[in-house]
């Protein structure tokens, strides 16, 4: 069970990083939905990875 949670956290992190890159592709401002979603996924991935039982 722990291993599957780590895999899910890793996938969330990679997806979040891809969304951040996609959001920054056209410039930093205005903030895009992809950038905000990427940051949100990164935060969730870090929390999930850190607090995996």
C-alpha atoms as a PDB file:
ATOM      1  CA  UNK A   1       0.000   0.000   0.000  1.00  0.00           C
ATOM      2  CA  UNK A   2       2.837   2.378   0.824  1.00  0.00           C
ATOM      3  CA  UNK A   3       4.522   1.721  -2.496  1.00  0.00           C
ATOM      4  CA  UNK A   4       1.379   2.523  -4.485  1.00  0.00           C
ATOM      5  CA  UNK A   5       0.965   5.830  -2.606  1.00  0.00           C
ATOM      6  CA  UNK A   6       4.541   6.745  -3.431  1.00  0.00           C
ATOM      7  CA  UNK A   7       3.965   5.932  -7.101  1.00  0.00           C
ATOM      8  CA  UNK A   8       0.829   8.083  -7.134  1.00  0.00           C
ATOM      9  CA  UNK A   9       2.758  10.939  -5.493  1.00  0.00           C
ATOM     10  CA  UNK A  10       5.526  10.602  -8.091  1.00  0.00           C
ATOM     11  CA  UNK A  11       3.033  10.675 -10.975  1.00  0.00           C
ATOM     12  CA  UNK A  12       1.348  13.735  -9.453  1.00  0.00           C
ATOM     13  CA  UNK A  13       4.719  15.460  -9.165  1.00  0.00           C
ATOM     14  CA  UNK A  14       5.692  14.755 -12.766  1.00  0.00           C
ATOM     15  CA  UNK A  15       2.288  15.884 -14.027  1.00  0.00           C
ATOM     16  CA  UNK A  16       2.483  19.020 -11.913  1.00  0.00           C
ATOM     17  CA  UNK A  17       5.947  19.837 -13.241  1.00  0.00           C
ATOM     18  CA  UNK A  18       4.730  19.385 -16.815  1.00  0.00           C
ATOM     19  CA  UNK A  19       1.781  21.701 -16.155  1.00  0.00           C
ATOM     20  CA  UNK A  20       4.075  24.326 -14.621  1.00  0.00           C
ATOM     21  CA  UNK A  21       6.351  24.223 -17.677  1.00  0.00           C
ATOM     22  CA  UNK A  22       3.319  24.433 -19.970  1.00  0.00           C
ATOM     23  CA  UNK A  23       1.931  27.361 -17.967  1.00  0.00           C
ATOM     24  CA  UNK A  24       5.219  29.262 -18.114  1.00  0.00           C
ATOM     25  CA  UNK A  25       5.760  28.593 -21.816  1.00  0.00           C
ATOM     26  CA  UNK A  26       3.994  31.781 -22.933  1.00  0.00           C
ATOM     27  CA  UNK A  27       5.315  33.950 -20.114  1.00  0.00           C
ATOM     28  CA  UNK A  28       4.790  34.339 -16.404  1.00  0.00           C
ATOM     29  CA  UNK A  29       1.977  36.868 -16.506  1.00  0.00           C
ATOM     30  CA  UNK A  30      -0.994  36.494 -16.626  1.00  0.00           C
ATOM     31  CA  UNK A  31      -1.090  33.325 -14.565  1.00  0.00           C
ATOM     32  CA  UNK A  32      -2.609  30.457 -16.492  1.00  0.00           C
ATOM     33  CA  UNK A  33      -4.844  27.681 -15.251  1.00  0.00           C
ATOM     34  CA  UNK A  34      -2.131  25.158 -16.149  1.00  0.00           C
ATOM     35  CA  UNK A  35       0.395  26.934 -13.917  1.00  0.00           C
ATOM     36  CA  UNK A  36      -1.979  27.136 -10.956  1.00  0.00           C
ATOM     37  CA  UNK A  37      -3.006  23.487 -11.356  1.00  0.00           C
ATOM     38  CA  UNK A  38       0.660  22.462 -11.621  1.00  0.00           C
ATOM     39  CA  UNK A  39       1.580  24.247  -8.404  1.00  0.00           C
ATOM     40  CA  UNK A  40      -1.425  22.672  -6.673  1.00  0.00           C
ATOM     41  CA  UNK A  41      -0.409  19.195  -7.859  1.00  0.00           C
ATOM     42  CA  UNK A  42       3.176  19.749  -6.705  1.00  0.00           C
ATOM     43  CA  UNK A  43       1.993  20.745  -3.231  1.00  0.00           C
ATOM     44  CA  UNK A  44      -0.276  17.705  -3.017  1.00  0.00           C
ATOM     45  CA  UNK A  45       2.491  15.403  -4.254  1.00  0.00           C
ATOM     46  CA  UNK A  46       4.947  16.682  -1.656  1.00  0.00           C
ATOM     47  CA  UNK A  47       2.400  16.324   1.125  1.00  0.00           C
ATOM     48  CA  UNK A  48       1.424  12.840  -0.017  1.00  0.00           C
ATOM     49  CA  UNK A  49       5.075  11.750  -0.292  1.00  0.00           C
ATOM     50  CA  UNK A  50       6.015  13.223   3.068  1.00  0.00           C
ATOM     51  CA  UNK A  51       3.091  11.831   5.039  1.00  0.00           C
ATOM     52  CA  UNK A  52       2.941   8.380   3.488  1.00  0.00           C
ATOM     53  CA  UNK A  53       2.356   5.916   6.276  1.00  0.00           C
END
